[in-house]
Amino acid sequence: RETLENCGRKREDVTLIAVSKTKPVEMVREAYDCGIRDFGENKVKEML
């Protein structure tokens, strides 16, 4: 938010992707409970 404000950009114009590769489901759920909805995975098998 600070960086975007200094650039004159809006927060809603940027998507924060939480990269959850190698992290357990419990940690992903914790981020979800904080409001994150976009998650990034490197491996197909892990995502599935």
All heavy atoms as atom14 arrays in JSON, in Angstrom:
{
  "sequence": "RETLENCGRKREDVTLIAVSKTKPVEMVREAYDCGIRDFGENKVKEML",
  "atom14_mask": [
    [1, 1, 1, 1, 1, 1, 1, 1, 1, 1, 1, 0, 0, 0],
    [1, 1, 1, 1, 1, 1, 1, 1, 1, 0, 0, 0, 0, 0],
    [1, 1, 1, 1, 1, 1, 1, 0, 0, 0, 0, 0, 0, 0],
    [1, 1, 1, 1, 1, 1, 1, 1, 0, 0, 0, 0, 0, 0],
    [1, 1, 1, 1, 1, 1, 1, 1, 1, 0, 0, 0, 0, 0],
    [1, 1, 1, 1, 1, 1, 1, 1, 0, 0, 0, 0, 0, 0],
    [1, 1, 1, 1, 1, 1, 0, 0, 0, 0, 0, 0, 0, 0],
    [1, 1, 1, 1, 0, 0, 0, 0, 0, 0, 0, 0, 0, 0],
    [1, 1, 1, 1, 1, 1, 1, 1, 1, 1, 1, 0, 0, 0],
    [1, 1, 1, 1, 1, 1, 1, 1, 1, 0, 0, 0, 0, 0],
    [1, 1, 1, 1, 1, 1, 1, 1, 1, 1, 1, 0, 0, 0],
    [1, 1, 1, 1, 1, 1, 1, 1, 1, 0, 0, 0, 0, 0],
    [1, 1, 1, 1, 1, 1, 1, 1, 0, 0, 0, 0, 0, 0],
    [1, 1, 1, 1, 1, 1, 1, 0, 0, 0, 0, 0, 0, 0],
    [1, 1, 1, 1, 1, 1, 1, 0, 0, 0, 0, 0, 0, 0],
    [1, 1, 1, 1, 1, 1, 1, 1, 0, 0, 0, 0, 0, 0],
    [1, 1, 1, 1, 1, 1, 1, 1, 0, 0, 0, 0, 0, 0],
    [1, 1, 1, 1, 1, 0, 0, 0, 0, 0, 0, 0, 0, 0],
    [1, 1, 1, 1, 1, 1, 1, 0, 0, 0, 0, 0, 0, 0],
    [1, 1, 1, 1, 1, 1, 0, 0, 0, 0, 0, 0, 0, 0],
    [1, 1, 1, 1, 1, 1, 1, 1, 1, 0, 0, 0, 0, 0],
    [1, 1, 1, 1, 1, 1, 1, 0, 0, 0, 0, 0, 0, 0],
    [1, 1, 1, 1, 1, 1, 1, 1, 1, 0, 0, 0, 0, 0],
    [1, 1, 1, 1, 1, 1, 1, 0, 0, 0, 0, 0, 0, 0],
    [1, 1, 1, 1, 1, 1, 1, 0, 0, 0, 0, 0, 0, 0],
    [1, 1, 1, 1, 1, 1, 1, 1, 1, 0, 0, 0, 0, 0],
    [1, 1, 1, 1, 1, 1, 1, 1, 0, 0, 0, 0, 0, 0],
    [1, 1, 1, 1, 1, 1, 1, 0, 0, 0, 0, 0, 0, 0],
    [1, 1, 1, 1, 1, 1, 1, 1, 1, 1, 1, 0, 0, 0],
    [1, 1, 1, 1, 1, 1, 1, 1, 1, 0, 0, 0, 0, 0],
    [1, 1, 1, 1, 1, 0, 0, 0, 0, 0, 0, 0, 0, 0],
    [1, 1, 1, 1, 1, 1, 1, 1, 1, 1, 1, 1, 0, 0],
    [1, 1, 1, 1, 1, 1, 1, 1, 0, 0, 0, 0, 0, 0],
    [1, 1, 1, 1, 1, 1, 0, 0, 0, 0, 0, 0, 0, 0],
    [1, 1, 1, 1, 0, 0, 0, 0, 0, 0, 0, 0, 0, 0],
    [1, 1, 1, 1, 1, 1, 1, 1, 0, 0, 0, 0, 0, 0],
    [1, 1, 1, 1, 1, 1, 1, 1, 1, 1, 1, 0, 0, 0],
    [1, 1, 1, 1, 1, 1, 1, 1, 0, 0, 0, 0, 0, 0],
    [1, 1, 1, 1, 1, 1, 1, 1, 1, 1, 1, 0, 0, 0],
    [1, 1, 1, 1, 0, 0, 0, 0, 0, 0, 0, 0, 0, 0],
    [1, 1, 1, 1, 1, 1, 1, 1, 1, 0, 0, 0, 0, 0],
    [1, 1, 1, 1, 1, 1, 1, 1, 0, 0, 0, 0, 0, 0],
    [1, 1, 1, 1, 1, 1, 1, 1, 1, 0, 0, 0, 0, 0],
    [1, 1, 1, 1, 1, 1, 1, 0, 0, 0, 0, 0, 0, 0],
    [1, 1, 1, 1, 1, 1, 1, 1, 1, 0, 0, 0, 0, 0],
    [1, 1, 1, 1, 1, 1, 1, 1, 1, 0, 0, 0, 0, 0],
    [1, 1, 1, 1, 1, 1, 1, 1, 0, 0, 0, 0, 0, 0],
    [1, 1, 1, 1, 1, 1, 1, 1, 0, 0, 0, 0, 0, 0]
  ],
  "atom14_positions": [
    [[0.82, -1.21, 0.0], [0.0, 0.0, 0.0], [0.86, 1.26, 0.0], [0.56, 2.23, -0.72], [-0.95, 0.0, 1.21], [-2.08, -1.02, 1.08], [-3.05, -0.96, 2.24], [-4.13, -1.93, 2.07], [-5.22, -1.73, 1.36], [-5.38, -0.56, 0.75], [-6.15, -2.66, 1.25], [0.0, 0.0, 0.0], [0.0, 0.0, 0.0], [0.0, 0.0, 0.0]],
    [[1.92, 1.25, 0.8], [2.81, 2.41, 0.86], [3.47, 2.67, -0.49], [3.53, 3.8, -0.97], [3.88, 2.19, 1.93], [4.87, 3.35, 2.05], [6.0, 3.05, 3.01], [6.22, 1.87, 3.36], [6.7, 4.01, 3.4], [0.0, 0.0, 0.0], [0.0, 0.0, 0.0], [0.0, 0.0, 0.0], [0.0, 0.0, 0.0], [0.0, 0.0, 0.0]],
    [[3.95, 1.58, -1.12], [4.62, 1.72, -2.42], [3.67, 2.24, -3.49], [4.01, 3.14, -4.26], [5.2, 0.35, -2.86], [6.08, -0.15, -1.85], [5.96, 0.49, -4.17], [0.0, 0.0, 0.0], [0.0, 0.0, 0.0], [0.0, 0.0, 0.0], [0.0, 0.0, 0.0], [0.0, 0.0, 0.0], [0.0, 0.0, 0.0], [0.0, 0.0, 0.0]],
    [[2.47, 1.68, -3.52], [1.5, 2.11, -4.52], [1.06, 3.55, -4.31], [0.89, 4.31, -5.27], [0.28, 1.18, -4.5], [0.53, -0.25, -4.99], [-0.7, -1.12, -4.76], [0.92, -0.26, -6.46], [0.0, 0.0, 0.0], [0.0, 0.0, 0.0], [0.0, 0.0, 0.0], [0.0, 0.0, 0.0], [0.0, 0.0, 0.0], [0.0, 0.0, 0.0]],
    [[0.88, 3.92, -3.05], [0.49, 5.3, -2.75], [1.56, 6.28, -3.24], [1.24, 7.33, -3.83], [0.27, 5.46, -1.25], [-0.25, 6.84, -0.86], [-0.53, 6.96, 0.63], [-0.59, 5.92, 1.32], [-0.71, 8.1, 1.09], [0.0, 0.0, 0.0], [0.0, 0.0, 0.0], [0.0, 0.0, 0.0], [0.0, 0.0, 0.0], [0.0, 0.0, 0.0]],
    [[2.82, 5.91, -3.03], [3.93, 6.77, -3.47], [4.01, 6.86, -4.99], [4.56, 7.82, -5.53], [5.25, 6.26, -2.9], [5.36, 6.45, -1.41], [4.67, 7.31, -0.82], [6.21, 5.68, -0.75], [0.0, 0.0, 0.0], [0.0, 0.0, 0.0], [0.0, 0.0, 0.0], [0.0, 0.0, 0.0], [0.0, 0.0, 0.0], [0.0, 0.0, 0.0]],
    [[3.48, 5.82, -5.67], [3.49, 5.79, -7.14], [2.24, 6.4, -7.74], [2.12, 6.49, -8.97], [3.61, 4.35, -7.64], [5.12, 3.52, -7.2], [0.0, 0.0, 0.0], [0.0, 0.0, 0.0], [0.0, 0.0, 0.0], [0.0, 0.0, 0.0], [0.0, 0.0, 0.0], [0.0, 0.0, 0.0], [0.0, 0.0, 0.0], [0.0, 0.0, 0.0]],
    [[1.27, 6.74, -6.89], [0.0, 7.25, -7.4], [-0.86, 6.16, -8.0], [-1.71, 6.43, -8.87], [0.0, 0.0, 0.0], [0.0, 0.0, 0.0], [0.0, 0.0, 0.0], [0.0, 0.0, 0.0], [0.0, 0.0, 0.0], [0.0, 0.0, 0.0], [0.0, 0.0, 0.0], [0.0, 0.0, 0.0], [0.0, 0.0, 0.0], [0.0, 0.0, 0.0]],
    [[-0.68, 4.92, -7.55], [-1.46, 3.8, -8.05], [-2.46, 3.34, -7.0], [-2.31, 3.6, -5.81], [-0.55, 2.63, -8.44], [0.47, 2.97, -9.53], [1.31, 1.75, -9.87], [0.48, 0.69, -10.45], [0.88, -0.58, -10.56], [2.07, -0.95, -10.11], [0.06, -1.48, -11.1], [0.0, 0.0, 0.0], [0.0, 0.0, 0.0], [0.0, 0.0, 0.0]],
    [[-3.5, 2.61, -7.46], [-4.54, 2.13, -6.55], [-4.27, 0.69, -6.13], [-3.81, -0.12, -6.92], [-5.91, 2.2, -7.24], [-6.34, 3.62, -7.61], [-7.67, 3.59, -8.34], [-8.12, 5.0, -8.73], [-9.4, 4.98, -9.48], [0.0, 0.0, 0.0], [0.0, 0.0, 0.0], [0.0, 0.0, 0.0], [0.0, 0.0, 0.0], [0.0, 0.0, 0.0]],
    [[-4.61, 0.39, -4.87], [-4.39, -0.96, -4.35], [-5.19, -1.99, -5.14], [-4.7, -3.11, -5.37], [-4.77, -1.02, -2.86], [-4.67, -2.4, -2.24], [-3.25, -2.91, -2.25], [-3.14, -4.28, -1.76], [-3.24, -5.35, -2.55], [-3.5, -5.21, -3.84], [-3.09, -6.56, -2.04], [0.0, 0.0, 0.0], [0.0, 0.0, 0.0], [0.0, 0.0, 0.0]],
    [[-6.39, -1.64, -5.58], [-7.22, -2.62, -6.28], [-6.69, -2.98, -7.67], [-7.18, -3.93, -8.31], [-8.67, -2.11, -6.41], [-8.81, -0.75, -7.05], [-8.87, 0.38, -6.04], [-8.24, 0.28, -4.97], [-9.57, 1.38, -6.34], [0.0, 0.0, 0.0], [0.0, 0.0, 0.0], [0.0, 0.0, 0.0], [0.0, 0.0, 0.0], [0.0, 0.0, 0.0]],
    [[-5.68, -2.25, -8.14], [-5.1, -2.55, -9.45], [-4.02, -3.63, -9.38], [-3.46, -4.01, -10.43], [-4.5, -1.27, -10.06], [-5.57, -0.24, -10.39], [-6.74, -0.63, -10.57], [-5.24, 0.96, -10.47], [0.0, 0.0, 0.0], [0.0, 0.0, 0.0], [0.0, 0.0, 0.0], [0.0, 0.0, 0.0], [0.0, 0.0, 0.0], [0.0, 0.0, 0.0]],
    [[-3.71, -4.1, -8.18], [-2.63, -5.08, -8.01], [-3.14, -6.32, -7.29], [-3.85, -6.22, -6.29], [-1.45, -4.47, -7.21], [-0.41, -5.53, -6.89], [-0.81, -3.34, -8.0], [0.0, 0.0, 0.0], [0.0, 0.0, 0.0], [0.0, 0.0, 0.0], [0.0, 0.0, 0.0], [0.0, 0.0, 0.0], [0.0, 0.0, 0.0], [0.0, 0.0, 0.0]],
    [[-2.78, -7.49, -7.81], [-3.13, -8.76, -7.18], [-1.92, -9.31, -6.44], [-0.85, -9.5, -7.04], [-3.59, -9.8, -8.22], [-4.74, -9.29, -8.91], [-3.94, -11.12, -7.56], [0.0, 0.0, 0.0], [0.0, 0.0, 0.0], [0.0, 0.0, 0.0], [0.0, 0.0, 0.0], [0.0, 0.0, 0.0], [0.0, 0.0, 0.0], [0.0, 0.0, 0.0]],
    [[-2.09, -9.56, -5.16], [-1.05, -10.2, -4.35], [-1.28, -11.7, -4.39], [-2.31, -12.19, -3.91], [-1.1, -9.68, -2.91], [-0.24, -10.43, -1.88], [1.24, -10.37, -2.25], [-0.47, -9.87, -0.48], [0.0, 0.0, 0.0], [0.0, 0.0, 0.0], [0.0, 0.0, 0.0], [0.0, 0.0, 0.0], [0.0, 0.0, 0.0], [0.0, 0.0, 0.0]],
    [[-0.34, -12.42, -4.98], [-0.43, -13.88, -5.06], [0.46, -14.48, -3.99], [1.67, -14.24, -3.97], [-0.01, -14.38, -6.45], [-0.93, -13.79, -7.53], [-0.04, -15.91, -6.51], [-0.46, -14.06, -8.94], [0.0, 0.0, 0.0], [0.0, 0.0, 0.0], [0.0, 0.0, 0.0], [0.0, 0.0, 0.0], [0.0, 0.0, 0.0], [0.0, 0.0, 0.0]],
    [[-0.14, -15.24, -3.09], [0.62, -15.92, -2.04], [1.18, -17.22, -2.62], [0.42, -18.12, -2.99], [-0.27, -16.21, -0.84], [0.0, 0.0, 0.0], [0.0, 0.0, 0.0], [0.0, 0.0, 0.0], [0.0, 0.0, 0.0], [0.0, 0.0, 0.0], [0.0, 0.0, 0.0], [0.0, 0.0, 0.0], [0.0, 0.0, 0.0], [0.0, 0.0, 0.0]],
    [[2.48, -17.29, -2.74], [3.12, -18.47, -3.33], [3.23, -19.55, -2.27], [4.05, -19.47, -1.36], [4.5, -18.12, -3.92], [5.15, -19.37, -4.51], [4.36, -17.04, -4.99], [0.0, 0.0, 0.0], [0.0, 0.0, 0.0], [0.0, 0.0, 0.0], [0.0, 0.0, 0.0], [0.0, 0.0, 0.0], [0.0, 0.0, 0.0], [0.0, 0.0, 0.0]],
    [[2.39, -20.57, -2.41], [2.25, -21.58, -1.36], [2.99, -22.87, -1.66], [2.78, -23.89, -0.99], [0.76, -21.88, -1.15], [0.1, -22.11, -2.39], [0.0, 0.0, 0.0], [0.0, 0.0, 0.0], [0.0, 0.0, 0.0], [0.0, 0.0, 0.0], [0.0, 0.0, 0.0], [0.0, 0.0, 0.0], [0.0, 0.0, 0.0], [0.0, 0.0, 0.0]],
    [[3.88, -22.84, -2.65], [4.62, -24.07, -3.0], [5.38, -24.6, -1.79], [5.97, -23.82, -1.02], [5.59, -23.8, -4.15], [6.7, -22.8, -3.84], [7.63, -22.64, -5.02], [8.79, -21.7, -4.68], [9.72, -21.53, -5.8], [0.0, 0.0, 0.0], [0.0, 0.0, 0.0], [0.0, 0.0, 0.0], [0.0, 0.0, 0.0], [0.0, 0.0, 0.0]],
    [[5.34, -25.9, -1.62], [5.99, -26.66, -0.54], [5.38, -26.41, 0.84], [5.79, -27.03, 1.81], [7.52, -26.4, -0.45], [7.77, -25.13, 0.17], [8.19, -26.47, -1.8], [0.0, 0.0, 0.0], [0.0, 0.0, 0.0], [0.0, 0.0, 0.0], [0.0, 0.0, 0.0], [0.0, 0.0, 0.0], [0.0, 0.0, 0.0], [0.0, 0.0, 0.0]],
    [[4.42, -25.52, 0.93], [3.83, -25.2, 2.23], [2.6, -26.09, 2.49], [1.84, -26.4, 1.57], [3.44, -23.72, 2.32], [4.63, -22.78, 2.2], [5.67, -23.07, 3.27], [6.87, -22.15, 3.14], [7.92, -22.5, 4.14], [0.0, 0.0, 0.0], [0.0, 0.0, 0.0], [0.0, 0.0, 0.0], [0.0, 0.0, 0.0], [0.0, 0.0, 0.0]],
    [[2.39, -26.49, 3.74], [1.27, -27.38, 4.06], [-0.07, -26.68, 3.94], [-0.17, -25.44, 3.99], [1.55, -27.79, 5.51], [2.37, -26.67, 6.07], [3.21, -26.19, 4.94], [0.0, 0.0, 0.0], [0.0, 0.0, 0.0], [0.0, 0.0, 0.0], [0.0, 0.0, 0.0], [0.0, 0.0, 0.0], [0.0, 0.0, 0.0], [0.0, 0.0, 0.0]],
    [[-1.11, -27.49, 3.8], [-2.47, -26.98, 3.66], [-2.84, -26.07, 4.83], [-3.54, -25.06, 4.65], [-3.46, -28.16, 3.55], [-4.9, -27.68, 3.72], [-3.3, -28.87, 2.21], [0.0, 0.0, 0.0], [0.0, 0.0, 0.0], [0.0, 0.0, 0.0], [0.0, 0.0, 0.0], [0.0, 0.0, 0.0], [0.0, 0.0, 0.0], [0.0, 0.0, 0.0]],
    [[-2.36, -26.39, 6.02], [-2.7, -25.59, 7.21], [-2.22, -24.15, 7.06], [-2.93, -23.21, 7.48], [-2.07, -26.23, 8.45], [-2.67, -27.56, 8.86], [-2.24, -28.7, 7.94], [-1.18, -28.57, 7.29], [-2.98, -29.7, 7.86], [0.0, 0.0, 0.0], [0.0, 0.0, 0.0], [0.0, 0.0, 0.0], [0.0, 0.0, 0.0], [0.0, 0.0, 0.0]],
    [[-1.05, -23.95, 6.48], [-0.54, -22.59, 6.3], [-1.32, -21.86, 5.21], [-1.56, -20.65, 5.31], [0.95, -22.62, 5.97], [1.83, -23.07, 7.12], [3.6, -22.87, 6.78], [3.8, -21.12, 7.11], [0.0, 0.0, 0.0], [0.0, 0.0, 0.0], [0.0, 0.0, 0.0], [0.0, 0.0, 0.0], [0.0, 0.0, 0.0], [0.0, 0.0, 0.0]],
    [[-1.71, -22.58, 4.18], [-2.52, -21.98, 3.13], [-3.85, -21.53, 3.71], [-4.33, -20.42, 3.44], [-2.76, -22.97, 1.98], [-3.65, -22.35, 0.9], [-1.43, -23.43, 1.37], [0.0, 0.0, 0.0], [0.0, 0.0, 0.0], [0.0, 0.0, 0.0], [0.0, 0.0, 0.0], [0.0, 0.0, 0.0], [0.0, 0.0, 0.0], [0.0, 0.0, 0.0]],
    [[-4.43, -22.37, 4.54], [-5.71, -22.03, 5.17], [-5.56, -20.81, 6.09], [-6.47, -19.98, 6.18], [-6.25, -23.22, 5.95], [-7.69, -23.01, 6.45], [-8.25, -24.27, 7.08], [-8.57, -25.29, 6.09], [-7.93, -26.45, 5.96], [-6.93, -26.73, 6.77], [-8.29, -27.32, 5.05], [0.0, 0.0, 0.0], [0.0, 0.0, 0.0], [0.0, 0.0, 0.0]],
    [[-4.43, -20.7, 6.75], [-4.19, -19.54, 7.62], [-4.17, -18.25, 6.8], [-4.75, -17.24, 7.19], [-2.87, -19.72, 8.37], [-2.65, -18.71, 9.48], [-1.39, -18.97, 10.27], [-0.79, -20.05, 10.12], [-0.99, -18.08, 11.06], [0.0, 0.0, 0.0], [0.0, 0.0, 0.0], [0.0, 0.0, 0.0], [0.0, 0.0, 0.0], [0.0, 0.0, 0.0]],
    [[-3.51, -18.3, 5.65], [-3.49, -17.13, 4.76], [-4.89, -16.84, 4.23], [-5.3, -15.68, 4.1], [-2.5, -17.35, 3.62], [0.0, 0.0, 0.0], [0.0, 0.0, 0.0], [0.0, 0.0, 0.0], [0.0, 0.0, 0.0], [0.0, 0.0, 0.0], [0.0, 0.0, 0.0], [0.0, 0.0, 0.0], [0.0, 0.0, 0.0], [0.0, 0.0, 0.0]],
    [[-5.62, -17.9, 3.89], [-7.0, -17.75, 3.43], [-7.84, -17.04, 4.49], [-8.63, -16.14, 4.18], [-7.58, -19.12, 3.1], [-9.03, -19.1, 2.68], [-9.38, -18.99, 1.33], [-10.06, -19.18, 3.62], [-10.71, -18.95, 0.94], [-11.39, -19.16, 3.23], [-11.71, -19.04, 1.89], [-13.03, -19.0, 1.5], [0.0, 0.0, 0.0], [0.0, 0.0, 0.0]],
    [[-7.67, -17.45, 5.74], [-8.44, -16.85, 6.83], [-8.09, -15.38, 7.03], [-8.86, -14.64, 7.66], [-8.21, -17.62, 8.13], [-8.85, -19.01, 8.1], [-9.75, -19.23, 7.27], [-8.42, -19.88, 8.9], [0.0, 0.0, 0.0], [0.0, 0.0, 0.0], [0.0, 0.0, 0.0], [0.0, 0.0, 0.0], [0.0, 0.0, 0.0], [0.0, 0.0, 0.0]],
    [[-6.94, -14.97, 6.51], [-6.54, -13.56, 6.59], [-7.07, -12.76, 5.4], [-6.82, -11.56, 5.3], [-5.02, -13.45, 6.62], [-4.24, -14.11, 8.1], [0.0, 0.0, 0.0], [0.0, 0.0, 0.0], [0.0, 0.0, 0.0], [0.0, 0.0, 0.0], [0.0, 0.0, 0.0], [0.0, 0.0, 0.0], [0.0, 0.0, 0.0], [0.0, 0.0, 0.0]],
    [[-7.78, -13.44, 4.5], [-8.39, -12.74, 3.38], [-7.76, -12.99, 2.03], [-8.26, -12.51, 1.0], [0.0, 0.0, 0.0], [0.0, 0.0, 0.0], [0.0, 0.0, 0.0], [0.0, 0.0, 0.0], [0.0, 0.0, 0.0], [0.0, 0.0, 0.0], [0.0, 0.0, 0.0], [0.0, 0.0, 0.0], [0.0, 0.0, 0.0], [0.0, 0.0, 0.0]],
    [[-6.66, -13.75, 1.97], [-6.02, -14.03, 0.7], [-6.86, -15.05, -0.08], [-7.32, -16.06, 0.47], [-4.59, -14.59, 0.91], [-3.7, -13.51, 1.57], [-3.97, -15.04, -0.41], [-3.43, -12.31, 0.7], [0.0, 0.0, 0.0], [0.0, 0.0, 0.0], [0.0, 0.0, 0.0], [0.0, 0.0, 0.0], [0.0, 0.0, 0.0], [0.0, 0.0, 0.0]],
    [[-7.04, -14.78, -1.37], [-7.78, -15.71, -2.22], [-6.95, -16.19, -3.42], [-7.31, -17.16, -4.06], [-9.08, -15.06, -2.73], [-10.09, -14.78, -1.63], [-10.61, -16.07, -1.01], [-11.58, -15.84, 0.06], [-11.27, -15.7, 1.34], [-9.98, -15.74, 1.72], [-12.19, -15.51, 2.24], [0.0, 0.0, 0.0], [0.0, 0.0, 0.0], [0.0, 0.0, 0.0]],
    [[-5.87, -15.5, -3.72], [-5.02, -15.87, -4.86], [-3.76, -16.58, -4.37], [-2.97, -16.0, -3.61], [-4.65, -14.64, -5.67], [-5.85, -14.03, -6.37], [-6.14, -14.45, -7.5], [-6.5, -13.14, -5.78], [0.0, 0.0, 0.0], [0.0, 0.0, 0.0], [0.0, 0.0, 0.0], [0.0, 0.0, 0.0], [0.0, 0.0, 0.0], [0.0, 0.0, 0.0]],
    [[-3.59, -17.82, -4.81], [-2.44, -18.63, -4.4], [-1.71, -19.16, -5.63], [-2.34, -19.55, -6.62], [-2.88, -19.79, -3.52], [-3.38, -19.36, -2.16], [-4.71, -19.01, -1.97], [-2.51, -19.28, -1.08], [-5.17, -18.61, -0.73], [-2.96, -18.87, 0.17], [-4.3, -18.53, 0.35], [0.0, 0.0, 0.0], [0.0, 0.0, 0.0], [0.0, 0.0, 0.0]],
    [[-0.39, -19.18, -5.55], [0.43, -19.65, -6.67], [1.16, -20.93, -6.35], [1.73, -21.07, -5.26], [0.0, 0.0, 0.0], [0.0, 0.0, 0.0], [0.0, 0.0, 0.0], [0.0, 0.0, 0.0], [0.0, 0.0, 0.0], [0.0, 0.0, 0.0], [0.0, 0.0, 0.0], [0.0, 0.0, 0.0], [0.0, 0.0, 0.0], [0.0, 0.0, 0.0]],
    [[1.13, -21.87, -7.29], [1.83, -23.14, -7.13], [2.76, -23.37, -8.32], [2.47, -22.99, -9.44], [0.84, -24.29, -7.01], [0.1, -24.34, -5.69], [0.98, -24.81, -4.54], [2.03, -25.45, -4.79], [0.62, -24.52, -3.37], [0.0, 0.0, 0.0], [0.0, 0.0, 0.0], [0.0, 0.0, 0.0], [0.0, 0.0, 0.0], [0.0, 0.0, 0.0]],
    [[3.89, -24.03, -8.03], [4.87, -24.32, -9.07], [4.66, -25.68, -9.72], [5.01, -25.88, -10.88], [6.29, -24.29, -8.49], [6.87, -22.9, -8.46], [6.2, -21.95, -8.08], [8.12, -22.75, -8.86], [0.0, 0.0, 0.0], [0.0, 0.0, 0.0], [0.0, 0.0, 0.0], [0.0, 0.0, 0.0], [0.0, 0.0, 0.0], [0.0, 0.0, 0.0]],
    [[4.12, -26.62, -8.96], [4.0, -27.99, -9.44], [2.52, -28.39, -9.54], [1.75, -28.18, -8.6], [4.76, -28.95, -8.53], [6.27, -28.69, -8.51], [6.98, -29.7, -7.65], [8.48, -29.41, -7.58], [9.13, -29.44, -8.91], [0.0, 0.0, 0.0], [0.0, 0.0, 0.0], [0.0, 0.0, 0.0], [0.0, 0.0, 0.0], [0.0, 0.0, 0.0]],
    [[2.18, -28.99, -10.65], [0.79, -29.4, -10.9], [0.31, -30.38, -9.84], [-0.78, -30.23, -9.28], [0.65, -30.02, -12.3], [-0.75, -30.59, -12.5], [0.97, -29.0, -13.38], [0.0, 0.0, 0.0], [0.0, 0.0, 0.0], [0.0, 0.0, 0.0], [0.0, 0.0, 0.0], [0.0, 0.0, 0.0], [0.0, 0.0, 0.0], [0.0, 0.0, 0.0]],
    [[1.13, -31.39, -9.54], [0.73, -32.42, -8.58], [0.42, -31.82, -7.22], [-0.56, -32.2, -6.56], [1.83, -33.47, -8.46], [1.45, -34.64, -7.57], [2.56, -35.69, -7.55], [2.2, -36.87, -6.66], [3.29, -37.89, -6.63], [0.0, 0.0, 0.0], [0.0, 0.0, 0.0], [0.0, 0.0, 0.0], [0.0, 0.0, 0.0], [0.0, 0.0, 0.0]],
    [[1.25, -30.88, -6.79], [1.05, -30.27, -5.47], [-0.24, -29.45, -5.44], [-1.0, -29.49, -4.47], [2.25, -29.4, -5.09], [2.17, -28.85, -3.69], [3.41, -28.09, -3.27], [4.4, -28.07, -4.02], [3.39, -27.49, -2.16], [0.0, 0.0, 0.0], [0.0, 0.0, 0.0], [0.0, 0.0, 0.0], [0.0, 0.0, 0.0], [0.0, 0.0, 0.0]],
    [[-0.48, -28.71, -6.51], [-1.7, -27.91, -6.58], [-2.95, -28.8, -6.56], [-3.91, -28.52, -5.84], [-1.71, -27.05, -7.85], [-2.88, -26.08, -7.93], [-3.09, -25.36, -9.56], [-3.82, -26.73, -10.45], [0.0, 0.0, 0.0], [0.0, 0.0, 0.0], [0.0, 0.0, 0.0], [0.0, 0.0, 0.0], [0.0, 0.0, 0.0], [0.0, 0.0, 0.0]],
    [[-2.91, -29.88, -7.33], [-4.06, -30.77, -7.39], [-4.3, -31.5, -6.08], [-5.43, -31.88, -5.76], [-3.87, -31.79, -8.53], [-3.84, -31.22, -9.95], [-3.63, -32.33, -10.96], [-5.1, -30.43, -10.26], [0.0, 0.0, 0.0], [0.0, 0.0, 0.0], [0.0, 0.0, 0.0], [0.0, 0.0, 0.0], [0.0, 0.0, 0.0], [0.0, 0.0, 0.0]]
  ]
}
